[in-house]
Amino acid sequence: MAVDVPGLVCVVVFYIFILVIGVWGSKKSKKVEKTCTGSKSEVSIVGGRNINVLVGIFTMTATWVGGGYIMGTAEAVYSPTQGLIWAMGPPAYVINFVLGGLFFAKPMRSKRYVTMLDPFQIRYGNIFTAILLFPALISDILWVACILAALGGTMSIILGLSSALSIIISAAVSIIYTFLGGLYSVAYTDIIQLCFVFVSLWLCIPFLVLSPAVTAISQTPPLNQSHGGHPWLGELELADSGKWVDEMLLLALGGLSYQALYQRILSAASSAQAQITCFAAAGTVFIMGIPSVIIGAVASSADWNQTEYGLPPPFERKDAGKILPLALQHLTPTWVSVLGIGAVAAAVMSSMDSVLLSSASMFTQNIYKSTLRKKASERELQWVIRISVLLVGVAGTGLAFGNDSVFSLWLVSGDLIYCIIFPQLVCVLHFRCANTYGAISGFGIGLLLRGLSGEPLLGVPPALLFPGWREENGVIKQYFPYRTLAMFSSMVIIIAVSWIVDLIFCHRIILQSWDFLGVFKERNKESEEVPYAGEDLNRALTTKF
C-alpha cells in the first residue's frame, strides 16, 4: 500500500504543533517553579496545585479519552457478538468520575498528598508501598501499549504508513514533551488534543452516515430473525450477564485506582475544585464517546461489498479491532479520513503522556525519594522523573507491536488495578481499622484468586473454574464475575484480618512483642490524621520500614 503523502504531511504538522505546545508548557512549569512555595518535583507532579478548573476538566477528560476508548467503543458496537450494550466505556467512565468526586477526591486532596500511594506509605510503610507500585506500573505499561497499538493500526490503514514506525514516532513525541515539562506540558497539550478529537470525529459523522454504501442504522436488518432488533444494539443473554457486570465494574471501579486520576485531583487548588473537576469530566467523557458509537453502528450497517474493502466484511477477517480506521478509509473522502487519523493520534498522546507521568511520579515520590535517596536534591528528583518517563514509554512501546484486539488489551490493563489496588485504596481511605496485616493478606488473596482464574489473552488457562464457564475453540472462558469476586474477597480479607489482629493485640490476647510489623508498637507515637505536605513524608515515615 502506497503512503498517503498529503495525509502524512498533515499528521507531521499536527505532531510538530503538539510538540511546540508541550515545550511552551515546560517553560510555564519553570516559571511556576520560581514562585511556588513547594518543591520543584511537586510542580512536575501536581503542577504546584495551581491547575485551574477548566484546564483540569480538559486534562481529566483527555486522559480517559484515549485510543482504547475511541477505537474500543467503536469495535464493541460494530462486533456482531457484542453491540452497543457491550460498549461499556462511556457509561463506566461516567460512574468512575461521579464516584471519584463523591468519595475519593476530598479525602485525597484535603490531606495534600502528592501521589495515590502516599496514604499507603504513611500507614503501611515503604515495603508494602513498593509492592503496590508493581501492579500499578504493569497496568500503566499495558495501557501505553494499548493506546499505541490503536494508533499504529489506524495509521497503517489510512496513511499506508508502517504500524511500527507510527508507534515509534507517536511515542517519541509524547515522551519528549512529557520529559520536558511534567504536568504543565501534559495539561496544556491535553486541551489542544481533546478539542481536536471532538471536532474531527464529529466532522466525520455526516460523511459516514451519507455514504452510498451505508444503510440507515435504524433500518439495519437483524442478524437473527428470531431475536429481532439491530445487530449494532447487541444482546445480553442471562448466561452472559455475569461477564457483563464484571467488565462494567472493572472499568467503572478500576479507574478509581489510577494515579493519572489522582494526579489531576491533587493538582486542583482545593478539595471543592477537585470534586467539580470530577463531576464535569463525567459529562464530557460521555459526550466524547458518542462519535465512536455512531461510527460502530454505521460500520455495522455498511455494505462492504460496495467499497474497495470488499467481502468478507471486517469481522469475518478478524479486523473488528480496526473498524474505526477502516470505516473512515472506505466510507469517507480521503481528507476526512486524515482528520480521523489526527483524532486518534491526539487521543493516544493525550492518554499516553498522562500514563507516563503517573508512573514516573509514583516511583520518584514513593520509592526513590522516600526509600532509596531520602536526601536527594530537587534537581536529582527531576531527572529521576524524566528517566522514569523514558523507561515506561520504551517498555509500553515495545509491547504495542502485534496486538489485534485493542478492546481486549484495554480490559486486561485494568485487571491488576481493579483486583488488587482498588480494595486497598478503599480500605486505606475509608476504614480506619485497616492495618498492614490486613493489607498484606488482602493483597495475597486478590492476587491468588485473579491468577487462578486464568487469562485467555495471555494464554494462561484457569486453574479455578467458576459456574458458567465455557470452552470456545479450545479455550476455556469464564462467564462468572471472577474479577469482582477477587476484588471483593480482597476487601473483605483486609477489613476482617485488620479487625481480628487489632482485637488480639489491643486486648493483649497476644503480647505486643509479637507485633513483628510494628503496627501497634508505634500506634501511640503516630496520629491517624497526619497532615501531609510533600516534604513532610520522610518525617512521617521515620518509624516505618
Protein backbone atom coordinates (compact mmCIF):
# COMPACT_ATOMS: atom_id res chain seq x y z
CA MET A 1 0.00 0.00 0.00
CA ALA A 2 1.40 3.39 -1.04
CA VAL A 3 1.99 6.04 1.58
CA ASP A 4 -0.56 8.88 1.53
CA VAL A 5 1.94 11.76 1.37
CA PRO A 6 -0.52 14.67 1.86
CA GLY A 7 -2.09 12.88 4.81
CA LEU A 8 1.31 12.12 6.28
CA VAL A 9 2.32 15.77 5.97
CA CYS A 10 -0.85 16.84 7.83
CA VAL A 11 -0.13 14.41 10.66
CA VAL A 12 3.51 15.55 10.90
CA VAL A 13 2.39 19.20 11.10
CA PHE A 14 -0.05 18.28 13.86
CA TYR A 15 2.69 16.45 15.79
CA ILE A 16 5.02 19.43 15.49
CA PHE A 17 2.27 21.73 16.75
CA ILE A 18 1.65 19.49 19.77
CA LEU A 19 5.38 19.37 20.47
CA VAL A 20 5.57 23.17 20.39
CA ILE A 21 2.67 23.41 22.87
CA GLY A 22 4.44 20.89 25.09
CA VAL A 23 7.66 22.91 25.04
CA TRP A 24 5.67 26.06 25.87
CA GLY A 25 4.13 24.16 28.79
CA SER A 26 7.61 23.27 30.03
CA LYS A 27 8.51 26.98 30.12
CA LYS A 28 5.32 27.66 32.07
CA SER A 29 6.38 24.94 34.50
CA LYS A 30 9.76 26.60 35.04
CA LYS A 31 8.08 29.95 35.80
CA VAL A 32 5.84 28.29 38.39
CA GLU A 33 8.87 26.61 39.99
CA LYS A 34 10.34 30.05 40.73
CA THR A 35 7.21 31.30 42.54
CA CYS A 36 5.92 28.04 44.07
CA THR A 37 6.48 27.51 47.79
CA GLY A 38 6.62 23.74 47.35
CA SER A 39 9.39 21.64 45.84
CA LYS A 40 10.24 21.66 42.13
CA SER A 41 9.46 17.97 41.84
CA GLU A 42 5.92 18.67 43.08
CA VAL A 43 5.49 21.23 40.32
CA SER A 44 6.28 18.49 37.80
CA ILE A 45 3.96 16.00 39.51
CA VAL A 46 0.95 18.09 40.62
CA GLY A 47 1.55 21.40 38.87
CA GLY A 48 2.17 23.28 42.10
CA ARG A 49 -1.53 22.62 42.94
CA ASN A 50 -2.32 25.55 40.69
CA ILE A 51 -4.21 23.98 37.76
CA ASN A 52 -7.47 25.87 37.23
CA VAL A 53 -10.85 24.17 36.88
CA LEU A 54 -11.20 24.46 33.10
CA VAL A 55 -7.73 23.09 32.39
CA GLY A 56 -8.36 20.38 34.99
CA ILE A 57 -11.56 19.27 33.26
CA PHE A 58 -9.83 19.13 29.87
CA THR A 59 -6.84 17.14 31.10
CA MET A 60 -9.01 14.81 33.21
CA THR A 61 -11.23 14.01 30.23
CA ALA A 62 -8.34 13.73 27.77
CA THR A 63 -6.60 11.17 29.99
CA TRP A 64 -9.54 8.78 29.70
CA VAL A 65 -10.41 9.54 26.07
CA GLY A 66 -7.53 7.60 24.56
CA GLY A 67 -7.07 5.31 21.61
CA GLY A 68 -8.52 2.40 23.57
CA TYR A 69 -11.64 4.39 24.44
CA ILE A 70 -12.30 5.65 20.90
CA MET A 71 -11.41 2.51 18.95
CA GLY A 72 -12.54 0.05 21.62
CA THR A 73 -16.01 1.60 21.81
CA ALA A 74 -16.39 1.52 18.01
CA GLU A 75 -15.16 -2.09 17.97
CA ALA A 76 -17.69 -3.20 20.59
CA VAL A 77 -20.65 -1.53 18.83
CA TYR A 78 -19.67 -2.95 15.43
CA SER A 79 -18.97 -6.51 16.58
CA PRO A 80 -21.97 -8.82 15.86
CA THR A 81 -21.19 -10.76 19.05
CA GLN A 82 -21.32 -7.62 21.22
CA GLY A 83 -23.08 -4.42 20.12
CA LEU A 84 -23.94 -1.19 21.92
CA ILE A 85 -24.88 -2.91 25.16
CA TRP A 86 -21.27 -4.15 25.43
CA ALA A 87 -19.76 -0.73 24.72
CA MET A 88 -19.12 -0.09 28.39
CA GLY A 89 -16.57 2.70 28.16
CA PRO A 90 -18.87 5.77 28.17
CA PRO A 91 -21.25 4.72 31.00
CA ALA A 92 -18.45 3.12 33.03
CA TYR A 93 -16.33 6.26 32.95
CA VAL A 94 -19.28 8.40 33.95
CA ILE A 95 -19.68 6.19 37.03
CA ASN A 96 -15.93 6.36 37.60
CA PHE A 97 -15.81 10.17 37.73
CA VAL A 98 -19.00 10.54 39.77
CA LEU A 99 -17.75 8.09 42.41
CA GLY A 100 -14.34 9.74 42.32
CA GLY A 101 -15.87 13.12 43.05
CA LEU A 102 -18.14 11.80 45.80
CA PHE A 103 -15.82 9.50 47.73
CA PHE A 104 -12.18 9.92 46.71
CA ALA A 105 -11.40 13.50 45.66
CA LYS A 106 -11.93 15.13 49.06
CA PRO A 107 -10.02 12.67 51.29
CA MET A 108 -7.09 12.67 48.86
CA ARG A 109 -6.89 16.41 48.17
CA SER A 110 -7.58 17.56 51.75
CA LYS A 111 -4.50 15.68 53.01
CA ARG A 112 -2.32 17.31 50.32
CA TYR A 113 -0.95 14.01 49.07
CA VAL A 114 1.37 14.08 46.07
CA THR A 115 0.59 10.61 44.67
CA MET A 116 -2.01 7.89 45.08
CA LEU A 117 0.49 5.80 47.06
CA ASP A 118 1.10 8.41 49.79
CA PRO A 119 -1.71 7.22 52.13
CA PHE A 120 -0.32 3.67 51.89
CA GLN A 121 3.17 4.85 52.67
CA ILE A 122 2.09 6.81 55.70
CA ARG A 123 0.01 3.98 57.17
CA TYR A 124 1.77 0.84 55.99
CA GLY A 125 5.36 1.92 55.34
CA ASN A 126 7.81 1.67 52.47
CA ILE A 127 7.96 -2.06 51.80
CA PHE A 128 4.26 -2.64 51.18
CA THR A 129 4.05 0.59 49.16
CA ALA A 130 6.84 -0.67 46.90
CA ILE A 131 4.91 -3.92 46.42
CA LEU A 132 1.79 -1.97 45.40
CA LEU A 133 3.80 0.00 42.86
CA PHE A 134 4.42 -3.09 40.74
CA PRO A 135 0.82 -3.82 39.65
CA ALA A 136 0.26 -0.08 39.12
CA LEU A 137 3.37 0.11 36.95
CA ILE A 138 2.47 -3.02 34.96
CA SER A 139 -1.02 -1.66 34.35
CA ASP A 140 0.35 1.67 33.13
CA ILE A 141 2.74 -0.05 30.71
CA LEU A 142 -0.11 -2.17 29.33
CA TRP A 143 -2.23 0.97 28.97
CA VAL A 144 0.54 2.62 26.94
CA ALA A 145 0.76 -0.50 24.76
CA CYS A 146 -3.00 -0.47 24.25
CA ILE A 147 -3.28 3.11 23.05
CA LEU A 148 -0.16 2.92 20.87
CA ALA A 149 -1.45 -0.27 19.22
CA ALA A 150 -4.65 1.61 18.40
CA LEU A 151 -2.71 4.39 16.71
CA GLY A 152 -0.36 2.08 14.83
CA GLY A 153 -3.27 0.15 13.34
CA THR A 154 -5.06 3.34 12.33
CA MET A 155 -2.07 4.95 10.61
CA SER A 156 -1.18 1.78 8.75
CA ILE A 157 -4.70 1.58 7.31
CA ILE A 158 -5.35 5.22 6.43
CA LEU A 159 -1.88 6.55 5.61
CA GLY A 160 -0.25 3.33 4.41
CA LEU A 161 2.49 4.01 6.93
CA SER A 162 4.23 1.17 8.74
CA SER A 163 2.46 0.41 12.02
CA ALA A 164 5.79 0.05 13.82
CA LEU A 165 7.04 3.40 12.52
CA SER A 166 3.76 5.09 13.51
CA ILE A 167 4.02 3.73 17.04
CA ILE A 168 7.65 4.80 17.43
CA ILE A 169 7.10 8.37 16.15
CA SER A 170 3.97 8.93 18.26
CA ALA A 171 5.61 7.53 21.38
CA ALA A 172 8.67 9.71 20.82
CA VAL A 173 6.60 12.91 20.59
CA SER A 174 4.69 12.12 23.81
CA ILE A 175 7.85 11.14 25.67
CA ILE A 176 9.70 14.31 24.63
CA TYR A 177 7.18 16.89 25.84
CA THR A 178 6.32 14.91 28.99
CA PHE A 179 10.05 14.59 29.65
CA LEU A 180 10.50 18.37 29.34
CA GLY A 181 7.55 19.88 31.19
CA GLY A 182 5.82 17.42 33.52
CA LEU A 183 2.17 18.10 34.35
CA TYR A 184 2.06 21.55 32.79
CA SER A 185 3.13 20.24 29.37
CA VAL A 186 0.68 17.35 29.71
CA ALA A 187 -2.24 19.57 30.74
CA TYR A 188 -1.84 22.20 28.03
CA THR A 189 -1.31 19.70 25.23
CA ASP A 190 -4.39 17.83 26.50
CA ILE A 191 -6.53 20.90 25.81
CA ILE A 192 -5.46 21.03 22.16
CA GLN A 193 -5.70 17.27 21.72
CA LEU A 194 -9.18 16.96 23.23
CA CYS A 195 -10.56 19.81 21.13
CA PHE A 196 -9.09 18.24 18.01
CA VAL A 197 -10.58 14.82 18.85
CA PHE A 198 -14.03 16.31 19.41
CA VAL A 199 -14.11 18.43 16.25
CA SER A 200 -12.50 15.84 13.96
CA LEU A 201 -14.71 12.90 14.89
CA TRP A 202 -17.93 14.91 14.70
CA LEU A 203 -16.91 16.24 11.26
CA CYS A 204 -16.50 12.65 10.07
CA ILE A 205 -20.01 11.58 11.14
CA PRO A 206 -22.07 13.25 8.34
CA PHE A 207 -19.83 11.76 5.64
CA LEU A 208 -20.13 8.30 7.17
CA VAL A 209 -23.90 8.45 7.54
CA LEU A 210 -24.41 9.77 3.97
CA SER A 211 -22.05 7.26 2.35
CA PRO A 212 -23.77 5.35 -0.55
CA ALA A 213 -22.56 2.07 0.97
CA VAL A 214 -24.33 2.69 4.30
CA THR A 215 -27.91 1.75 5.13
CA ALA A 216 -29.64 3.93 7.71
CA ILE A 217 -28.75 2.45 11.09
CA SER A 218 -32.47 2.42 12.00
CA GLN A 219 -33.09 0.06 9.07
CA THR A 220 -30.21 -2.35 9.61
CA PRO A 221 -31.62 -5.89 9.31
CA PRO A 222 -31.19 -8.16 12.35
CA LEU A 223 -28.61 -10.92 12.21
CA ASN A 224 -31.01 -13.29 13.95
CA GLN A 225 -34.63 -13.04 12.84
CA SER A 226 -35.85 -14.86 15.96
CA HIS A 227 -34.50 -12.12 18.20
CA GLY A 228 -35.12 -9.09 16.01
CA GLY A 229 -33.52 -5.75 16.72
CA HIS A 230 -30.47 -4.23 15.07
CA PRO A 231 -27.10 -6.02 15.25
CA TRP A 232 -25.31 -2.88 16.45
CA LEU A 233 -27.60 -2.73 19.52
CA GLY A 234 -26.39 -6.14 20.67
CA GLU A 235 -27.96 -8.65 23.01
CA LEU A 236 -27.34 -9.61 26.61
CA GLU A 237 -28.21 -13.20 27.40
CA LEU A 238 -28.78 -14.21 31.01
CA ALA A 239 -25.80 -16.57 30.78
CA ASP A 240 -23.58 -13.63 29.80
CA SER A 241 -24.79 -11.24 32.50
CA GLY A 242 -22.00 -12.18 34.92
CA LYS A 243 -19.34 -11.31 32.36
CA TRP A 244 -21.10 -8.03 31.53
CA VAL A 245 -21.26 -6.98 35.19
CA ASP A 246 -17.64 -7.97 35.72
CA GLU A 247 -16.34 -5.92 32.80
CA MET A 248 -18.53 -2.92 33.64
CA LEU A 249 -17.29 -2.83 37.24
CA LEU A 250 -13.73 -3.39 36.04
CA LEU A 251 -13.87 -0.18 34.02
CA ALA A 252 -16.01 1.83 36.45
CA LEU A 253 -14.25 0.97 39.72
CA GLY A 254 -10.83 0.02 38.39
CA GLY A 255 -10.44 3.53 37.01
CA LEU A 256 -10.57 4.86 40.56
CA SER A 257 -7.20 3.27 41.24
CA TYR A 258 -5.12 5.02 38.60
CA GLN A 259 -2.50 7.57 39.58
CA ALA A 260 -3.46 9.53 36.44
CA LEU A 261 -6.83 10.32 38.06
CA TYR A 262 -5.35 11.46 41.36
CA GLN A 263 -2.64 13.47 39.59
CA ARG A 264 -5.43 15.76 38.38
CA ILE A 265 -7.35 15.69 41.65
CA LEU A 266 -4.23 16.61 43.62
CA SER A 267 -3.29 19.39 41.19
CA ALA A 268 -6.52 21.27 41.96
CA ALA A 269 -6.35 24.35 44.16
CA SER A 270 -8.85 22.93 46.68
CA SER A 271 -10.92 19.86 47.53
CA ALA A 272 -14.07 21.53 46.18
CA GLN A 273 -12.36 22.29 42.88
CA ALA A 274 -11.16 18.69 42.64
CA GLN A 275 -14.73 17.44 43.08
CA ILE A 276 -16.09 19.88 40.49
CA THR A 277 -13.45 18.69 38.04
CA CYS A 278 -14.54 15.06 38.50
CA PHE A 279 -18.26 15.80 38.10
CA ALA A 280 -17.72 17.92 34.98
CA ALA A 281 -15.42 15.29 33.43
CA ALA A 282 -18.21 12.70 33.87
CA GLY A 283 -20.30 14.66 31.35
CA THR A 284 -17.54 15.45 28.88
CA VAL A 285 -16.16 11.91 28.75
CA PHE A 286 -19.64 10.57 27.87
CA ILE A 287 -20.06 13.11 25.08
CA MET A 288 -16.66 12.18 23.69
CA GLY A 289 -17.77 8.55 23.33
CA ILE A 290 -20.84 9.29 21.17
CA PRO A 291 -18.97 9.61 17.82
CA SER A 292 -17.36 6.19 18.32
CA VAL A 293 -20.78 4.65 18.99
CA ILE A 294 -22.13 6.16 15.77
CA ILE A 295 -19.11 5.01 13.75
CA GLY A 296 -19.51 1.46 15.08
CA ALA A 297 -23.23 1.45 14.21
CA VAL A 298 -22.60 2.84 10.73
CA ALA A 299 -19.92 0.21 10.06
CA SER A 300 -22.37 -2.47 11.15
CA SER A 301 -24.93 -1.12 8.66
CA ALA A 302 -22.49 -0.77 5.73
CA ASP A 303 -22.46 -2.96 2.64
CA TRP A 304 -18.74 -3.58 2.47
CA ASN A 305 -19.11 -5.14 -0.99
CA GLN A 306 -19.73 -1.61 -2.34
CA THR A 307 -16.35 -0.44 -1.06
CA GLU A 308 -12.76 -1.22 -2.03
CA TYR A 309 -12.55 -3.39 1.09
CA GLY A 310 -15.00 -5.90 -0.38
CA LEU A 311 -16.14 -9.17 1.15
CA PRO A 312 -15.89 -10.86 3.58
CA PRO A 313 -16.63 -7.96 5.98
CA PRO A 314 -14.11 -6.82 8.64
CA PHE A 315 -15.50 -9.01 11.43
CA GLU A 316 -15.03 -12.19 9.42
CA ARG A 317 -11.47 -11.13 8.57
CA LYS A 318 -10.81 -10.51 12.28
CA ASP A 319 -10.39 -6.79 11.65
CA ALA A 320 -13.05 -5.66 14.14
CA GLY A 321 -10.37 -4.04 16.29
CA LYS A 322 -9.55 -1.73 13.35
CA ILE A 323 -13.13 -0.91 12.40
CA LEU A 324 -12.84 2.82 13.11
CA PRO A 325 -9.95 3.47 10.67
CA LEU A 326 -11.47 1.03 8.15
CA ALA A 327 -14.77 2.90 8.21
CA LEU A 328 -13.00 6.24 7.81
CA GLN A 329 -10.87 4.94 4.94
CA HIS A 330 -13.61 3.25 2.90
CA LEU A 331 -16.74 5.24 3.77
CA THR A 332 -15.45 8.84 3.74
CA PRO A 333 -13.40 11.08 1.40
CA THR A 334 -9.62 10.98 1.84
CA TRP A 335 -9.32 14.36 3.56
CA VAL A 336 -11.98 13.31 6.09
CA SER A 337 -10.15 10.08 6.89
CA VAL A 338 -7.00 12.12 7.52
CA LEU A 339 -8.94 14.15 10.10
CA GLY A 340 -9.93 10.87 11.70
CA ILE A 341 -6.34 9.68 11.98
CA GLY A 342 -5.49 13.02 13.56
CA ALA A 343 -8.24 12.48 16.11
CA VAL A 344 -6.91 9.05 17.05
CA ALA A 345 -3.34 10.39 17.24
CA ALA A 346 -4.47 13.22 19.50
CA ALA A 347 -6.41 10.83 21.73
CA VAL A 348 -3.44 8.49 22.01
CA MET A 349 -1.00 11.20 23.01
CA SER A 350 -3.45 12.77 25.48
CA SER A 351 -3.60 9.48 27.39
CA MET A 352 -0.04 8.32 26.91
CA ASP A 353 1.56 11.44 28.37
CA SER A 354 -0.62 11.13 31.47
CA VAL A 355 0.28 7.48 31.98
CA LEU A 356 3.99 8.18 31.53
CA LEU A 357 3.92 10.94 34.12
CA SER A 358 1.82 8.96 36.61
CA SER A 359 4.26 6.03 36.73
CA ALA A 360 7.25 8.34 36.93
CA SER A 361 5.61 10.31 39.75
CA MET A 362 4.91 7.26 41.91
CA PHE A 363 8.40 5.83 41.50
CA THR A 364 10.11 9.15 42.19
CA GLN A 365 7.97 10.23 45.15
CA ASN A 366 7.27 6.91 46.86
CA ILE A 367 10.34 4.82 46.09
CA TYR A 368 13.31 6.95 45.14
CA LYS A 369 12.70 9.98 47.39
CA SER A 370 11.25 8.14 50.38
CA THR A 371 13.37 4.99 50.38
CA LEU A 372 16.38 4.97 48.09
CA ARG A 373 17.60 8.57 48.36
CA LYS A 374 15.94 10.46 51.21
CA LYS A 375 18.36 13.37 50.83
CA ALA A 376 18.10 13.64 47.06
CA SER A 377 18.24 17.19 45.69
CA GLU A 378 15.37 18.68 43.72
CA ARG A 379 17.44 18.63 40.54
CA GLU A 380 18.15 14.94 41.06
CA LEU A 381 14.46 14.18 41.61
CA GLN A 382 13.50 15.99 38.43
CA TRP A 383 15.97 13.88 36.47
CA VAL A 384 14.60 10.70 38.06
CA ILE A 385 11.12 11.73 36.87
CA ARG A 386 12.44 12.27 33.34
CA ILE A 387 14.35 8.99 33.19
CA SER A 388 11.30 7.13 34.54
CA VAL A 389 9.12 8.72 31.85
CA LEU A 390 11.58 7.46 29.23
CA LEU A 391 11.75 3.91 30.60
CA VAL A 392 7.99 3.46 30.94
CA GLY A 393 7.49 4.87 27.45
CA VAL A 394 10.03 2.49 25.93
CA ALA A 395 8.51 -0.52 27.76
CA GLY A 396 4.97 0.32 26.62
CA THR A 397 6.13 0.96 23.07
CA GLY A 398 7.82 -2.43 22.95
CA LEU A 399 4.60 -4.20 23.95
CA ALA A 400 2.46 -2.25 21.46
CA PHE A 401 3.51 -4.28 18.42
CA GLY A 402 1.26 -7.06 17.17
CA ASN A 403 -1.90 -6.66 19.31
CA ASP A 404 -5.04 -7.39 17.26
CA SER A 405 -7.80 -6.50 19.71
CA VAL A 406 -7.47 -3.09 21.30
CA PHE A 407 -10.58 -3.72 23.37
CA SER A 408 -9.19 -6.91 24.97
CA LEU A 409 -5.88 -5.31 25.87
CA TRP A 410 -7.79 -2.30 27.21
CA LEU A 411 -9.65 -4.56 29.64
CA VAL A 412 -6.61 -6.60 30.69
CA SER A 413 -4.61 -3.46 31.51
CA GLY A 414 -7.02 -2.71 34.35
CA ASP A 415 -7.26 -6.20 35.84
CA LEU A 416 -4.45 -5.92 38.36
CA ILE A 417 -5.53 -2.43 39.37
CA TYR A 418 -9.14 -3.49 39.95
CA CYS A 419 -8.47 -6.77 41.76
CA ILE A 420 -5.56 -5.64 43.92
CA ILE A 421 -5.18 -1.87 44.29
CA PHE A 422 -8.84 -0.75 44.32
CA PRO A 423 -9.77 -2.68 47.51
CA GLN A 424 -6.57 -1.48 49.14
CA LEU A 425 -7.34 2.16 48.30
CA VAL A 426 -10.91 1.95 49.58
CA CYS A 427 -9.73 0.48 52.87
CA VAL A 428 -6.82 2.86 53.47
CA LEU A 429 -9.05 5.90 52.84
CA HIS A 430 -12.33 4.84 54.43
CA PHE A 431 -11.58 2.15 57.05
CA ARG A 432 -9.53 3.37 59.98
CA CYS A 433 -9.11 -0.19 61.26
CA ALA A 434 -7.13 -1.24 58.16
CA ASN A 435 -3.55 -2.13 59.05
CA THR A 436 -0.51 -3.73 57.45
CA TYR A 437 -1.50 -7.29 58.43
CA GLY A 438 -4.88 -6.94 56.72
CA ALA A 439 -3.38 -5.17 53.70
CA ILE A 440 -0.82 -7.94 53.09
CA SER A 441 -3.48 -10.64 53.49
CA GLY A 442 -5.88 -8.89 51.14
CA PHE A 443 -3.15 -8.38 48.56
CA GLY A 444 -2.29 -12.06 48.61
CA ILE A 445 -5.90 -13.23 48.32
CA GLY A 446 -6.71 -10.84 45.47
CA LEU A 447 -3.62 -11.82 43.51
CA LEU A 448 -4.16 -15.55 44.13
CA LEU A 449 -7.81 -15.57 43.04
CA ARG A 450 -7.10 -13.47 39.95
CA GLY A 451 -4.15 -15.67 38.98
CA LEU A 452 -6.08 -18.92 39.42
CA SER A 453 -8.91 -17.57 37.23
CA GLY A 454 -6.65 -17.58 34.16
CA GLU A 455 -6.34 -15.11 31.28
CA PRO A 456 -7.10 -16.23 27.69
CA LEU A 457 -5.40 -13.18 26.14
CA LEU A 458 -2.10 -14.16 27.77
CA GLY A 459 -2.62 -17.87 27.13
CA VAL A 460 -2.93 -18.65 30.85
CA PRO A 461 -5.50 -21.45 31.44
CA PRO A 462 -7.72 -21.20 34.54
CA ALA A 463 -6.89 -23.45 37.47
CA LEU A 464 -10.13 -22.44 39.20
CA LEU A 465 -13.34 -22.90 37.22
CA PHE A 466 -16.39 -20.87 38.24
CA PRO A 467 -20.04 -21.64 37.40
CA GLY A 468 -20.98 -20.90 33.80
CA TRP A 469 -17.56 -21.46 32.22
CA ARG A 470 -17.43 -22.49 28.58
CA GLU A 471 -14.88 -23.94 26.22
CA GLU A 472 -14.76 -21.99 22.94
CA ASN A 473 -12.38 -23.02 20.17
CA GLY A 474 -10.30 -24.97 22.64
CA VAL A 475 -10.04 -22.02 25.08
CA ILE A 476 -11.79 -22.01 28.45
CA LYS A 477 -13.59 -18.73 29.13
CA GLN A 478 -15.08 -17.69 32.45
CA TYR A 479 -18.53 -16.03 32.45
CA PHE A 480 -18.74 -15.68 36.21
CA PRO A 481 -17.71 -12.23 37.58
CA TYR A 482 -14.39 -13.65 38.79
CA ARG A 483 -12.56 -10.31 38.78
CA THR A 484 -15.18 -8.77 41.03
CA LEU A 485 -15.04 -11.83 43.28
CA ALA A 486 -11.26 -11.39 43.62
CA MET A 487 -11.68 -7.66 44.36
CA PHE A 488 -14.46 -8.15 46.91
CA SER A 489 -12.66 -11.05 48.60
CA SER A 490 -9.53 -8.92 48.92
CA MET A 491 -11.50 -6.07 50.52
CA VAL A 492 -13.26 -8.39 52.98
CA ILE A 493 -9.96 -10.01 53.96
CA ILE A 494 -8.29 -6.63 54.54
CA ILE A 495 -11.06 -5.49 56.88
CA ALA A 496 -11.54 -8.85 58.63
CA VAL A 497 -7.85 -9.58 59.26
CA SER A 498 -7.19 -5.98 60.34
CA TRP A 499 -10.10 -6.10 62.82
CA ILE A 500 -9.09 -9.50 64.22
CA VAL A 501 -5.44 -8.52 64.62
CA ASP A 502 -6.45 -5.23 66.20
CA LEU A 503 -8.69 -7.10 68.65
CA ILE A 504 -5.97 -9.57 69.52
CA PHE A 505 -3.27 -7.01 70.26
CA CYS A 506 -5.46 -4.35 71.87
CA HIS A 507 -6.95 -6.88 74.32
CA ARG A 508 -3.47 -8.33 74.87
CA ILE A 509 -4.56 -11.80 73.83
CA ILE A 510 -1.11 -11.85 72.24
CA LEU A 511 1.74 -9.79 73.62
CA GLN A 512 2.73 -6.74 71.61
CA SER A 513 6.24 -8.13 71.42
CA TRP A 514 4.82 -10.47 68.77
CA ASP A 515 3.83 -7.49 66.62
CA PHE A 516 6.69 -8.07 64.18
CA LEU A 517 5.36 -5.47 61.70
CA GLY A 518 5.37 -2.81 64.39
CA VAL A 519 1.78 -1.71 63.75
CA PHE A 520 0.67 -1.42 67.36
CA LYS A 521 4.02 -0.58 68.90
CA GLU A 522 4.04 2.70 67.02
CA ARG A 523 0.33 3.48 67.22
CA ASN A 524 0.70 5.76 70.21
CA LYS A 525 3.55 7.62 68.55
CA GLU A 526 1.62 8.50 65.40
CA SER A 527 -1.65 10.21 64.61
CA GLU A 528 -4.01 8.72 62.07
CA GLU A 529 -4.66 12.27 60.89
CA VAL A 530 -1.08 13.17 59.97
CA PRO A 531 -1.29 16.34 57.82
CA TYR A 532 0.68 15.91 54.65
CA ALA A 533 2.71 18.35 52.66
CA GLY A 534 5.25 16.85 50.25
CA GLU A 535 8.40 17.46 52.26
CA ASP A 536 6.88 16.01 55.45
CA LEU A 537 6.61 12.47 54.08
CA ASN A 538 10.04 11.37 55.21
CA ARG A 539 9.32 12.60 58.74
CA ALA A 540 6.02 10.70 58.71
CA LEU A 541 7.94 7.55 57.84
CA THR A 542 10.71 7.71 60.42
CA THR A 543 9.13 4.90 62.39
CA LYS A 544 8.14 2.85 59.35
CA PHE A 545 10.08 0.29 57.32
